[in-house]
Amino acid sequence: MSALVRIVCTLSIIGIAAAFQAPSVPSQQDNQHDFDFEIGAWKTHMSRLDHPLTGSTTWVTYDGTSVVRALLEGRANLVELSVAGPAGRIEGLSIRLYHPHQHQWTLHYANVKDGELTPAVAGRFTNGRGEFYGDDTLNGKPIRVRFIISQLTTQSWQFEQAFSADGGKSWEPNWIAVDTRMTS
């Protein structure tokens, strides 16, 4: 066998072997610590659209606190919200669970007024911004839900909830909260 034939055969075998190797998987960030910044007590200033997806432009404001506790070595956390304003009082909790295989979180909220958990929104933080999406209903109609957590510093951050009645083509913000860390 000539040297040229040996080289061609070797290159062919290498090429065939390379074709059957599993493609390299890009490393994925472990997002388990996405919410570590939020552990602690916060003063909350919140604005809520009075009647979402109705054309309403009436916003009501609330002030109060939110307290965030880490659970299960950071793989979950619990948020206790207590705010009050001219429109009344809102008390609720959010449980957030980390899913290590998907590298994302699911967020569930419950208002103690009705004791119901909302359907989860799921997502993660990328470049200091958290985006979470899910499906729900409002007044018997299906909607998309989006949570955005942004403007993170060690002392403050912003949360925005928005609804979409058109499958996510357009969004109407309806809940905006700015949290500022409470000092002891």
N, C-alpha and C. Protein backbone atom coordinates (compact mmCIF):
# COMPACT_ATOMS: atom_id res chain seq x y z
N MET A 1 0.85 -1.16 0.00
CA MET A 1 0.00 0.00 0.00
C MET A 1 0.90 1.23 0.00
N SER A 2 0.59 2.15 -0.88
CA SER A 2 1.43 3.34 -0.99
C SER A 2 1.17 4.26 0.19
N ALA A 3 2.11 5.15 0.42
CA ALA A 3 2.00 6.11 1.52
C ALA A 3 0.78 7.00 1.33
N LEU A 4 0.50 7.36 0.08
CA LEU A 4 -0.64 8.22 -0.19
C LEU A 4 -1.94 7.52 0.16
N VAL A 5 -2.07 6.24 -0.17
CA VAL A 5 -3.28 5.48 0.14
C VAL A 5 -3.43 5.36 1.65
N ARG A 6 -2.31 5.10 2.38
CA ARG A 6 -2.37 5.01 3.85
C ARG A 6 -2.85 6.34 4.46
N ILE A 7 -2.36 7.45 3.95
CA ILE A 7 -2.75 8.76 4.48
C ILE A 7 -4.23 8.99 4.22
N VAL A 8 -4.71 8.69 3.02
CA VAL A 8 -6.12 8.88 2.69
C VAL A 8 -6.99 8.00 3.58
N CYS A 9 -6.60 6.73 3.77
CA CYS A 9 -7.37 5.82 4.63
C CYS A 9 -7.39 6.32 6.07
N THR A 10 -6.25 6.78 6.57
CA THR A 10 -6.18 7.29 7.94
C THR A 10 -7.07 8.51 8.11
N LEU A 11 -6.99 9.44 7.15
CA LEU A 11 -7.82 10.64 7.22
C LEU A 11 -9.30 10.28 7.14
N SER A 12 -9.64 9.28 6.34
CA SER A 12 -11.03 8.84 6.23
C SER A 12 -11.53 8.27 7.55
N ILE A 13 -10.70 7.44 8.17
CA ILE A 13 -11.08 6.84 9.46
C ILE A 13 -11.25 7.93 10.52
N ILE A 14 -10.32 8.90 10.55
CA ILE A 14 -10.43 10.01 11.52
C ILE A 14 -11.71 10.80 11.25
N GLY A 15 -11.99 11.05 9.97
CA GLY A 15 -13.21 11.79 9.62
C GLY A 15 -14.47 11.06 10.03
N ILE A 16 -14.50 9.75 9.80
CA ILE A 16 -15.67 8.94 10.18
C ILE A 16 -15.82 8.93 11.69
N ALA A 17 -14.72 8.77 12.43
CA ALA A 17 -14.79 8.76 13.89
C ALA A 17 -15.28 10.11 14.41
N ALA A 18 -14.78 11.19 13.81
CA ALA A 18 -15.21 12.52 14.25
C ALA A 18 -16.69 12.72 13.99
N ALA A 19 -17.19 12.16 12.90
CA ALA A 19 -18.61 12.33 12.56
C ALA A 19 -19.50 11.64 13.58
N PHE A 20 -19.02 10.58 14.24
CA PHE A 20 -19.82 9.84 15.19
C PHE A 20 -19.61 10.27 16.64
N GLN A 21 -18.72 11.21 16.90
CA GLN A 21 -18.53 11.69 18.26
C GLN A 21 -19.66 12.64 18.61
N ALA A 22 -20.03 12.60 19.87
CA ALA A 22 -21.08 13.51 20.33
C ALA A 22 -20.57 14.94 20.24
N PRO A 23 -21.41 15.85 19.78
CA PRO A 23 -20.99 17.24 19.71
C PRO A 23 -20.69 17.77 21.10
N SER A 24 -19.76 18.68 21.20
CA SER A 24 -19.45 19.25 22.50
C SER A 24 -20.63 20.13 22.94
N VAL A 25 -20.94 20.04 24.20
CA VAL A 25 -22.04 20.80 24.76
C VAL A 25 -21.45 22.01 25.46
N PRO A 26 -21.93 23.21 25.10
CA PRO A 26 -21.39 24.38 25.78
C PRO A 26 -21.70 24.31 27.26
N SER A 27 -20.76 24.74 28.08
CA SER A 27 -21.00 24.69 29.52
C SER A 27 -22.13 25.65 29.87
N GLN A 28 -22.98 25.23 30.76
CA GLN A 28 -24.10 26.05 31.18
C GLN A 28 -23.83 26.59 32.57
N GLN A 29 -24.22 27.81 32.78
CA GLN A 29 -24.03 28.45 34.07
C GLN A 29 -24.93 27.77 35.08
N ASP A 30 -24.42 27.58 36.28
CA ASP A 30 -25.24 27.07 37.36
C ASP A 30 -25.97 28.26 37.96
N ASN A 31 -27.25 28.35 37.69
CA ASN A 31 -28.04 29.50 38.12
C ASN A 31 -28.61 29.34 39.53
N GLN A 32 -28.11 28.37 40.29
CA GLN A 32 -28.64 28.12 41.63
C GLN A 32 -28.54 29.34 42.53
N HIS A 33 -27.59 30.20 42.30
CA HIS A 33 -27.36 31.34 43.19
C HIS A 33 -27.97 32.65 42.65
N ASP A 34 -28.86 32.55 41.67
CA ASP A 34 -29.47 33.74 41.06
C ASP A 34 -30.11 34.67 42.09
N PHE A 35 -30.74 34.12 43.11
CA PHE A 35 -31.48 34.94 44.07
C PHE A 35 -30.71 35.21 45.36
N ASP A 36 -29.45 34.85 45.43
CA ASP A 36 -28.69 35.09 46.65
C ASP A 36 -28.67 36.56 47.04
N PHE A 37 -28.65 37.45 46.05
CA PHE A 37 -28.62 38.89 46.32
C PHE A 37 -29.82 39.34 47.14
N GLU A 38 -30.91 38.60 47.07
CA GLU A 38 -32.18 39.06 47.63
C GLU A 38 -32.44 38.57 49.05
N ILE A 39 -31.60 37.70 49.57
CA ILE A 39 -31.82 37.17 50.91
C ILE A 39 -31.73 38.33 51.91
N GLY A 40 -32.76 38.45 52.75
CA GLY A 40 -32.79 39.52 53.75
C GLY A 40 -34.12 40.24 53.77
N ALA A 41 -34.12 41.41 54.41
CA ALA A 41 -35.34 42.20 54.58
C ALA A 41 -35.25 43.46 53.71
N TRP A 42 -36.40 43.80 53.10
CA TRP A 42 -36.46 44.89 52.13
C TRP A 42 -37.66 45.79 52.40
N LYS A 43 -37.48 47.10 52.18
CA LYS A 43 -38.61 48.03 52.11
C LYS A 43 -39.11 47.94 50.67
N THR A 44 -40.41 47.84 50.52
CA THR A 44 -40.99 47.67 49.19
C THR A 44 -41.93 48.84 48.89
N HIS A 45 -41.70 49.48 47.75
CA HIS A 45 -42.64 50.46 47.22
C HIS A 45 -43.20 49.86 45.94
N MET A 46 -44.51 49.71 45.89
CA MET A 46 -45.13 48.98 44.80
C MET A 46 -46.25 49.79 44.16
N SER A 47 -46.35 49.67 42.84
CA SER A 47 -47.47 50.24 42.09
C SER A 47 -48.14 49.09 41.34
N ARG A 48 -49.47 49.10 41.37
CA ARG A 48 -50.25 48.02 40.73
C ARG A 48 -51.31 48.64 39.84
N LEU A 49 -51.39 48.17 38.60
CA LEU A 49 -52.45 48.62 37.69
C LEU A 49 -53.77 48.06 38.21
N ASP A 50 -54.75 48.95 38.38
CA ASP A 50 -55.99 48.57 39.05
C ASP A 50 -56.74 47.45 38.32
N HIS A 51 -56.85 47.52 37.00
CA HIS A 51 -57.59 46.49 36.25
C HIS A 51 -56.80 46.13 34.99
N PRO A 52 -55.89 45.16 35.09
CA PRO A 52 -55.04 44.81 33.94
C PRO A 52 -55.84 44.35 32.72
N LEU A 53 -55.30 44.64 31.56
CA LEU A 53 -55.83 44.23 30.26
C LEU A 53 -57.28 44.66 30.02
N THR A 54 -57.64 45.82 30.58
CA THR A 54 -58.97 46.37 30.34
C THR A 54 -58.89 47.77 29.72
N GLY A 55 -57.69 48.27 29.53
CA GLY A 55 -57.52 49.64 29.07
C GLY A 55 -57.39 50.62 30.22
N SER A 56 -57.45 50.12 31.45
CA SER A 56 -57.33 50.97 32.64
C SER A 56 -55.96 51.62 32.68
N THR A 57 -55.92 52.86 33.14
CA THR A 57 -54.64 53.56 33.36
C THR A 57 -54.52 53.98 34.83
N THR A 58 -55.37 53.43 35.69
CA THR A 58 -55.36 53.77 37.11
C THR A 58 -54.40 52.85 37.85
N TRP A 59 -53.39 53.48 38.46
CA TRP A 59 -52.41 52.76 39.26
C TRP A 59 -52.65 53.07 40.73
N VAL A 60 -52.48 52.07 41.58
CA VAL A 60 -52.56 52.25 43.03
C VAL A 60 -51.20 51.90 43.63
N THR A 61 -50.84 52.58 44.71
CA THR A 61 -49.51 52.37 45.30
C THR A 61 -49.63 51.74 46.68
N TYR A 62 -48.57 51.06 47.04
CA TYR A 62 -48.48 50.36 48.32
C TYR A 62 -47.07 50.52 48.84
N ASP A 63 -46.92 50.45 50.15
CA ASP A 63 -45.61 50.42 50.79
C ASP A 63 -45.64 49.36 51.86
N GLY A 64 -44.49 48.74 52.07
CA GLY A 64 -44.41 47.71 53.10
C GLY A 64 -43.05 47.04 53.07
N THR A 65 -43.07 45.74 53.31
CA THR A 65 -41.82 44.99 53.40
C THR A 65 -41.93 43.67 52.64
N SER A 66 -40.77 43.18 52.27
CA SER A 66 -40.67 41.79 51.82
C SER A 66 -39.44 41.21 52.51
N VAL A 67 -39.59 39.98 52.94
CA VAL A 67 -38.52 39.26 53.62
C VAL A 67 -38.26 37.99 52.84
N VAL A 68 -36.99 37.76 52.48
CA VAL A 68 -36.62 36.62 51.66
C VAL A 68 -35.70 35.71 52.46
N ARG A 69 -36.07 34.44 52.53
CA ARG A 69 -35.29 33.45 53.27
C ARG A 69 -34.84 32.34 52.33
N ALA A 70 -33.58 31.97 52.45
CA ALA A 70 -33.05 30.84 51.68
C ALA A 70 -33.50 29.54 52.35
N LEU A 71 -33.80 28.55 51.53
CA LEU A 71 -34.18 27.23 52.00
C LEU A 71 -33.35 26.18 51.26
N LEU A 72 -33.19 25.03 51.88
CA LEU A 72 -32.55 23.88 51.23
C LEU A 72 -31.21 24.25 50.60
N GLU A 73 -30.37 24.89 51.39
CA GLU A 73 -29.01 25.26 50.96
C GLU A 73 -29.02 26.10 49.68
N GLY A 74 -30.00 26.97 49.53
CA GLY A 74 -30.06 27.87 48.39
C GLY A 74 -30.77 27.32 47.17
N ARG A 75 -31.30 26.11 47.26
CA ARG A 75 -32.02 25.53 46.11
C ARG A 75 -33.48 25.94 46.08
N ALA A 76 -33.88 26.71 47.08
CA ALA A 76 -35.24 27.26 47.14
C ALA A 76 -35.18 28.51 48.01
N ASN A 77 -36.20 29.34 47.87
CA ASN A 77 -36.33 30.46 48.80
C ASN A 77 -37.80 30.83 48.93
N LEU A 78 -38.08 31.55 49.99
CA LEU A 78 -39.43 31.94 50.31
C LEU A 78 -39.46 33.45 50.51
N VAL A 79 -40.41 34.11 49.85
CA VAL A 79 -40.59 35.55 49.97
C VAL A 79 -41.90 35.81 50.68
N GLU A 80 -41.86 36.61 51.75
CA GLU A 80 -43.08 37.05 52.43
C GLU A 80 -43.28 38.52 52.11
N LEU A 81 -44.40 38.85 51.50
CA LEU A 81 -44.73 40.22 51.10
C LEU A 81 -45.87 40.74 51.97
N SER A 82 -45.70 41.96 52.48
CA SER A 82 -46.76 42.61 53.24
C SER A 82 -46.71 44.09 52.91
N VAL A 83 -47.72 44.57 52.15
CA VAL A 83 -47.78 45.97 51.74
C VAL A 83 -49.20 46.49 51.97
N ALA A 84 -49.29 47.82 52.13
CA ALA A 84 -50.60 48.45 52.32
C ALA A 84 -50.60 49.80 51.61
N GLY A 85 -51.79 50.24 51.22
CA GLY A 85 -51.95 51.53 50.56
C GLY A 85 -53.41 51.90 50.53
N PRO A 86 -53.74 52.97 49.81
CA PRO A 86 -55.13 53.43 49.75
C PRO A 86 -56.11 52.36 49.27
N ALA A 87 -55.66 51.44 48.45
CA ALA A 87 -56.55 50.40 47.92
C ALA A 87 -56.66 49.19 48.85
N GLY A 88 -55.95 49.22 49.98
CA GLY A 88 -56.03 48.10 50.92
C GLY A 88 -54.68 47.47 51.20
N ARG A 89 -54.72 46.23 51.56
CA ARG A 89 -53.54 45.49 51.99
C ARG A 89 -53.35 44.28 51.08
N ILE A 90 -52.08 43.98 50.79
CA ILE A 90 -51.74 42.75 50.07
C ILE A 90 -50.74 41.99 50.93
N GLU A 91 -51.05 40.74 51.21
CA GLU A 91 -50.13 39.85 51.90
C GLU A 91 -50.03 38.59 51.05
N GLY A 92 -48.80 38.20 50.78
CA GLY A 92 -48.63 37.02 49.96
C GLY A 92 -47.27 36.41 50.16
N LEU A 93 -47.07 35.32 49.48
CA LEU A 93 -45.76 34.67 49.53
C LEU A 93 -45.43 34.12 48.16
N SER A 94 -44.15 34.05 47.93
CA SER A 94 -43.66 33.45 46.70
C SER A 94 -42.69 32.36 47.09
N ILE A 95 -42.87 31.19 46.51
CA ILE A 95 -41.90 30.10 46.71
C ILE A 95 -41.19 29.92 45.38
N ARG A 96 -39.87 29.88 45.46
CA ARG A 96 -39.05 29.74 44.27
C ARG A 96 -38.23 28.47 44.40
N LEU A 97 -38.25 27.67 43.35
CA LEU A 97 -37.57 26.38 43.37
C LEU A 97 -36.58 26.30 42.21
N TYR A 98 -35.36 25.85 42.51
CA TYR A 98 -34.34 25.73 41.49
C TYR A 98 -34.38 24.33 40.87
N HIS A 99 -34.33 24.29 39.54
CA HIS A 99 -34.31 23.04 38.79
C HIS A 99 -32.92 22.87 38.17
N PRO A 100 -32.04 22.07 38.79
CA PRO A 100 -30.64 22.02 38.36
C PRO A 100 -30.43 21.50 36.94
N HIS A 101 -31.27 20.60 36.46
CA HIS A 101 -31.06 20.06 35.11
C HIS A 101 -31.41 21.07 34.03
N GLN A 102 -32.36 21.96 34.32
CA GLN A 102 -32.72 23.00 33.36
C GLN A 102 -31.97 24.31 33.61
N HIS A 103 -31.25 24.38 34.73
CA HIS A 103 -30.53 25.61 35.12
C HIS A 103 -31.49 26.79 35.18
N GLN A 104 -32.67 26.56 35.74
CA GLN A 104 -33.65 27.63 35.84
C GLN A 104 -34.47 27.49 37.12
N TRP A 105 -35.23 28.53 37.38
CA TRP A 105 -36.09 28.60 38.56
C TRP A 105 -37.56 28.60 38.14
N THR A 106 -38.41 28.05 39.01
CA THR A 106 -39.85 28.28 38.87
C THR A 106 -40.28 29.12 40.07
N LEU A 107 -41.17 30.07 39.80
CA LEU A 107 -41.67 30.98 40.82
C LEU A 107 -43.17 30.80 40.92
N HIS A 108 -43.64 30.61 42.14
CA HIS A 108 -45.06 30.43 42.42
C HIS A 108 -45.47 31.51 43.43
N TYR A 109 -46.61 32.15 43.22
CA TYR A 109 -47.07 33.20 44.13
C TYR A 109 -48.43 32.83 44.68
N ALA A 110 -48.66 33.19 45.93
CA ALA A 110 -49.98 33.01 46.54
C ALA A 110 -50.33 34.25 47.33
N ASN A 111 -51.52 34.78 47.09
CA ASN A 111 -52.07 35.87 47.88
C ASN A 111 -52.82 35.22 49.03
N VAL A 112 -52.56 35.62 50.27
CA VAL A 112 -53.23 34.96 51.38
C VAL A 112 -54.74 35.24 51.39
N LYS A 113 -55.16 36.23 50.61
CA LYS A 113 -56.59 36.55 50.51
C LYS A 113 -57.40 35.36 49.98
N ASP A 114 -56.82 34.64 48.98
CA ASP A 114 -57.55 33.50 48.44
C ASP A 114 -56.83 32.16 48.67
N GLY A 115 -55.58 32.20 49.10
CA GLY A 115 -54.86 30.97 49.42
C GLY A 115 -54.51 30.10 48.23
N GLU A 116 -54.61 30.63 47.02
CA GLU A 116 -54.33 29.86 45.81
C GLU A 116 -52.93 30.15 45.30
N LEU A 117 -52.21 29.11 44.89
CA LEU A 117 -50.92 29.28 44.21
C LEU A 117 -51.18 29.57 42.74
N THR A 118 -50.51 30.58 42.21
CA THR A 118 -50.64 30.85 40.78
C THR A 118 -49.84 29.82 40.00
N PRO A 119 -50.15 29.62 38.74
CA PRO A 119 -49.30 28.76 37.92
C PRO A 119 -47.88 29.34 37.89
N ALA A 120 -46.91 28.48 37.78
CA ALA A 120 -45.50 28.90 37.85
C ALA A 120 -45.08 29.68 36.61
N VAL A 121 -44.14 30.59 36.84
CA VAL A 121 -43.37 31.17 35.74
C VAL A 121 -41.98 30.59 35.88
N ALA A 122 -41.27 30.42 34.76
CA ALA A 122 -39.96 29.78 34.79
C ALA A 122 -38.96 30.63 34.02
N GLY A 123 -37.72 30.61 34.50
CA GLY A 123 -36.66 31.33 33.81
C GLY A 123 -35.39 31.39 34.63
N ARG A 124 -34.53 32.33 34.26
CA ARG A 124 -33.23 32.45 34.90
C ARG A 124 -32.71 33.87 34.73
N PHE A 125 -31.58 34.12 35.37
CA PHE A 125 -30.89 35.40 35.22
C PHE A 125 -29.81 35.27 34.17
N THR A 126 -29.69 36.29 33.35
CA THR A 126 -28.61 36.40 32.37
C THR A 126 -28.13 37.84 32.40
N ASN A 127 -26.83 38.01 32.61
CA ASN A 127 -26.24 39.36 32.65
C ASN A 127 -26.96 40.29 33.62
N GLY A 128 -27.29 39.77 34.82
CA GLY A 128 -27.88 40.60 35.86
C GLY A 128 -29.36 40.91 35.68
N ARG A 129 -30.03 40.23 34.78
CA ARG A 129 -31.46 40.47 34.54
C ARG A 129 -32.17 39.12 34.56
N GLY A 130 -33.21 39.03 35.39
CA GLY A 130 -33.99 37.81 35.46
C GLY A 130 -35.24 37.93 34.62
N GLU A 131 -35.50 36.91 33.80
CA GLU A 131 -36.72 36.88 33.00
C GLU A 131 -37.40 35.54 33.21
N PHE A 132 -38.70 35.60 33.51
CA PHE A 132 -39.48 34.42 33.85
C PHE A 132 -40.83 34.51 33.13
N TYR A 133 -41.26 33.42 32.50
CA TYR A 133 -42.48 33.42 31.68
C TYR A 133 -43.37 32.24 32.06
N GLY A 134 -44.66 32.43 31.89
CA GLY A 134 -45.59 31.34 32.14
C GLY A 134 -46.96 31.67 31.57
N ASP A 135 -47.88 30.75 31.77
CA ASP A 135 -49.26 30.90 31.30
C ASP A 135 -50.20 30.94 32.49
N ASP A 136 -51.27 31.70 32.35
CA ASP A 136 -52.26 31.82 33.41
C ASP A 136 -53.58 32.21 32.75
N THR A 137 -54.57 32.54 33.55
CA THR A 137 -55.83 33.08 33.03
C THR A 137 -56.15 34.35 33.81
N LEU A 138 -56.87 35.24 33.16
CA LEU A 138 -57.36 36.46 33.79
C LEU A 138 -58.80 36.65 33.32
N ASN A 139 -59.70 36.69 34.28
CA ASN A 139 -61.13 36.80 33.96
C ASN A 139 -61.57 35.71 32.99
N GLY A 140 -61.07 34.50 33.19
CA GLY A 140 -61.47 33.36 32.37
C GLY A 140 -60.79 33.26 31.02
N LYS A 141 -59.87 34.19 30.69
CA LYS A 141 -59.19 34.17 29.39
C LYS A 141 -57.72 33.84 29.57
N PRO A 142 -57.16 33.06 28.65
CA PRO A 142 -55.73 32.72 28.77
C PRO A 142 -54.84 33.95 28.53
N ILE A 143 -53.78 34.04 29.33
CA ILE A 143 -52.80 35.11 29.18
C ILE A 143 -51.40 34.54 29.34
N ARG A 144 -50.41 35.29 28.86
CA ARG A 144 -49.00 35.01 29.16
C ARG A 144 -48.61 35.95 30.30
N VAL A 145 -47.71 35.49 31.14
CA VAL A 145 -47.22 36.27 32.27
C VAL A 145 -45.71 36.38 32.14
N ARG A 146 -45.20 37.58 32.40
CA ARG A 146 -43.75 37.81 32.37
C ARG A 146 -43.34 38.53 33.65
N PHE A 147 -42.30 38.01 34.30
CA PHE A 147 -41.67 38.69 35.44
C PHE A 147 -40.29 39.11 34.98
N ILE A 148 -39.92 40.34 35.27
CA ILE A 148 -38.55 40.81 35.01
C ILE A 148 -37.99 41.36 36.31
N ILE A 149 -36.82 40.89 36.67
CA ILE A 149 -36.10 41.40 37.83
C ILE A 149 -34.85 42.08 37.28
N SER A 150 -34.70 43.39 37.58
CA SER A 150 -33.61 44.14 36.97
C SER A 150 -33.10 45.23 37.91
N GLN A 151 -32.15 46.00 37.39
CA GLN A 151 -31.56 47.11 38.12
C GLN A 151 -31.00 46.66 39.47
N LEU A 152 -30.31 45.52 39.44
CA LEU A 152 -29.79 44.93 40.67
C LEU A 152 -28.58 45.69 41.17
N THR A 153 -28.61 46.02 42.45
CA THR A 153 -27.42 46.49 43.16
C THR A 153 -27.42 45.75 44.49
N THR A 154 -26.43 45.99 45.31
CA THR A 154 -26.42 45.33 46.62
C THR A 154 -27.48 45.91 47.55
N GLN A 155 -28.02 47.09 47.18
CA GLN A 155 -28.97 47.77 48.07
C GLN A 155 -30.38 47.90 47.50
N SER A 156 -30.59 47.63 46.21
CA SER A 156 -31.93 47.77 45.65
C SER A 156 -32.07 46.96 44.37
N TRP A 157 -33.31 46.79 43.95
CA TRP A 157 -33.62 46.10 42.70
C TRP A 157 -35.07 46.39 42.34
N GLN A 158 -35.44 46.08 41.10
CA GLN A 158 -36.81 46.33 40.62
C GLN A 158 -37.42 45.03 40.09
N PHE A 159 -38.71 44.89 40.36
CA PHE A 159 -39.49 43.75 39.87
C PHE A 159 -40.63 44.31 39.03
N GLU A 160 -40.87 43.71 37.87
CA GLU A 160 -42.00 44.10 37.04
C GLU A 160 -42.75 42.86 36.58
N GLN A 161 -44.06 42.89 36.75
CA GLN A 161 -44.92 41.85 36.20
C GLN A 161 -45.70 42.45 35.05
N ALA A 162 -45.84 41.71 33.96
CA ALA A 162 -46.63 42.17 32.82
C ALA A 162 -47.47 41.01 32.30
N PHE A 163 -48.62 41.35 31.71
CA PHE A 163 -49.50 40.37 31.11
C PHE A 163 -49.57 40.62 29.61
N SER A 164 -49.82 39.54 28.86
CA SER A 164 -50.03 39.62 27.42
C SER A 164 -51.28 38.82 27.08
N ALA A 165 -52.19 39.45 26.33
CA ALA A 165 -53.39 38.76 25.87
C ALA A 165 -53.23 38.26 24.44
N ASP A 166 -52.06 38.53 23.82
CA ASP A 166 -51.86 38.14 22.42
C ASP A 166 -50.67 37.19 22.26
N GLY A 167 -50.47 36.33 23.25
CA GLY A 167 -49.43 35.31 23.14
C GLY A 167 -48.02 35.83 23.26
N GLY A 168 -47.84 37.03 23.82
CA GLY A 168 -46.50 37.55 24.03
C GLY A 168 -46.04 38.54 22.97
N LYS A 169 -46.91 38.92 22.06
CA LYS A 169 -46.54 39.93 21.06
C LYS A 169 -46.44 41.31 21.69
N SER A 170 -47.34 41.60 22.62
CA SER A 170 -47.30 42.87 23.34
C SER A 170 -47.52 42.60 24.82
N TRP A 171 -46.96 43.47 25.65
CA TRP A 171 -47.02 43.28 27.09
C TRP A 171 -47.55 44.54 27.77
N GLU A 172 -48.38 44.36 28.80
CA GLU A 172 -48.85 45.47 29.61
C GLU A 172 -48.34 45.27 31.04
N PRO A 173 -47.39 46.11 31.48
CA PRO A 173 -46.95 46.02 32.88
C PRO A 173 -48.12 46.32 33.81
N ASN A 174 -48.18 45.56 34.93
CA ASN A 174 -49.29 45.78 35.85
C ASN A 174 -48.88 45.74 37.32
N TRP A 175 -47.61 45.50 37.58
CA TRP A 175 -47.12 45.42 38.97
C TRP A 175 -45.66 45.78 38.92
N ILE A 176 -45.28 46.89 39.53
CA ILE A 176 -43.88 47.33 39.55
C ILE A 176 -43.51 47.58 41.00
N ALA A 177 -42.45 46.94 41.45
CA ALA A 177 -41.98 47.10 42.82
C ALA A 177 -40.51 47.46 42.81
N VAL A 178 -40.16 48.39 43.66
CA VAL A 178 -38.75 48.73 43.88
C VAL A 178 -38.47 48.39 45.33
N ASP A 179 -37.50 47.52 45.54
CA ASP A 179 -37.13 47.10 46.89
C ASP A 179 -35.79 47.71 47.27
N THR A 180 -35.73 48.21 48.50
CA THR A 180 -34.50 48.80 49.03
C THR A 180 -34.15 48.05 50.32
N ARG A 181 -32.90 47.63 50.42
CA ARG A 181 -32.47 46.82 51.57
C ARG A 181 -32.68 47.58 52.87
N MET A 182 -33.24 46.90 53.86
CA MET A 182 -33.41 47.49 55.19
C MET A 182 -32.11 47.31 55.97
N THR A 183 -31.71 48.35 56.65
CA THR A 183 -30.50 48.26 57.47
C THR A 183 -30.91 47.92 58.89
N SER A 184 -30.05 47.17 59.58
CA SER A 184 -30.41 46.75 60.94
C SER A 184 -30.26 47.85 61.94
